[in-house]
Amino acid sequence: MIRYVLYTLLEVLNWLILARVILSWIPNMNNKVVEILYTVTEPVLEPIRRLLDRTMGNTGVMVDLSPIVAFLLIGLIQRLI
């Protein structure tokens, strides 16, 4: 039962991150839904972003790779469950 709940929460997090990525491509999307998405997903993405900055250094990459890494990590955790 606990496995199922944890797996489902991780799946929901995956969808929230995907929604955040898609909405980030739309200019001027400043509403309550976007704020909630950022509030929920930022605690997951920020540590990954810091780690990528530390390991990659200042390479001038203008693309945020943290969602991709988050998808990979969440998928790995789901497989381990």
Protein backbone atom coordinates (compact mmCIF):
# COMPACT_ATOMS: atom_id res chain seq x y z
CA MET A 1 0.00 0.00 0.00
CA ILE A 2 2.79 2.43 0.91
CA ARG A 3 4.58 1.58 -2.35
CA TYR A 4 1.48 2.39 -4.34
CA VAL A 5 0.97 5.74 -2.61
CA LEU A 6 4.62 6.71 -3.03
CA TYR A 7 4.63 5.64 -6.69
CA THR A 8 1.45 7.65 -7.31
CA LEU A 9 2.86 10.75 -5.61
CA LEU A 10 5.97 10.53 -7.76
CA GLU A 11 3.80 10.16 -10.86
CA VAL A 12 1.83 13.28 -9.89
CA LEU A 13 5.12 15.13 -9.37
CA ASN A 14 6.22 14.06 -12.86
CA TRP A 15 3.05 15.54 -14.36
CA LEU A 16 3.40 18.75 -12.36
CA ILE A 17 6.98 19.22 -13.57
CA LEU A 18 5.86 18.57 -17.14
CA ALA A 19 3.06 21.13 -16.79
CA ARG A 20 5.57 23.64 -15.42
CA VAL A 21 7.90 23.07 -18.37
CA ILE A 22 5.09 23.50 -20.91
CA LEU A 23 3.74 26.61 -19.20
CA SER A 24 7.23 28.12 -19.10
CA TRP A 25 7.14 28.27 -22.92
CA ILE A 26 4.03 30.45 -22.85
CA PRO A 27 4.85 34.13 -22.30
CA ASN A 28 3.06 36.15 -19.63
CA MET A 29 1.50 33.22 -17.82
CA ASN A 30 1.24 34.83 -14.40
CA ASN A 31 -1.72 33.35 -12.62
CA LYS A 32 -2.50 31.32 -9.53
CA VAL A 33 -2.08 27.93 -11.22
CA VAL A 34 1.44 28.80 -12.38
CA GLU A 35 2.33 30.05 -8.91
CA ILE A 36 1.12 26.80 -7.36
CA LEU A 37 3.08 24.75 -9.90
CA TYR A 38 6.26 26.68 -9.10
CA THR A 39 5.65 26.38 -5.35
CA VAL A 40 5.21 22.61 -5.56
CA THR A 41 8.00 21.83 -8.03
CA GLU A 42 10.71 24.29 -7.00
CA PRO A 43 11.79 22.32 -3.89
CA VAL A 44 12.57 19.41 -6.23
CA LEU A 45 14.15 21.36 -9.08
CA GLU A 46 16.23 23.91 -7.14
CA PRO A 47 18.68 21.41 -5.55
CA ILE A 48 19.15 19.74 -8.93
CA ARG A 49 19.75 23.13 -10.56
CA ARG A 50 22.36 24.01 -7.91
CA LEU A 51 24.09 20.66 -8.39
CA LEU A 52 24.16 21.12 -12.16
CA ASP A 53 25.57 24.63 -11.77
CA ARG A 54 28.27 23.30 -9.48
CA THR A 55 29.23 20.38 -11.72
CA MET A 56 28.88 22.06 -15.11
CA GLY A 57 30.19 25.44 -14.03
CA ASN A 58 29.28 28.56 -15.93
CA THR A 59 29.09 27.10 -19.44
CA GLY A 60 26.63 29.68 -20.68
CA VAL A 61 23.90 27.10 -21.31
CA MET A 62 20.58 28.92 -21.52
CA VAL A 63 18.46 25.78 -21.03
CA ASP A 64 17.33 24.58 -17.62
CA LEU A 65 18.21 20.89 -17.53
CA SER A 66 16.88 20.30 -14.02
CA PRO A 67 13.46 18.98 -15.18
CA ILE A 68 15.17 16.36 -17.35
CA VAL A 69 17.33 15.22 -14.44
CA ALA A 70 14.26 15.23 -12.18
CA PHE A 71 12.36 13.02 -14.65
CA LEU A 72 15.27 10.58 -14.73
CA LEU A 73 15.60 10.49 -10.93
CA ILE A 74 11.87 10.08 -10.39
CA GLY A 75 11.80 7.27 -12.95
CA LEU A 76 14.71 5.57 -11.20
CA ILE A 77 13.01 5.84 -7.81
CA GLN A 78 9.77 4.50 -9.26
CA ARG A 79 11.59 1.50 -10.70
CA LEU A 80 13.22 0.83 -7.33
CA ILE A 81 9.84 0.88 -5.62
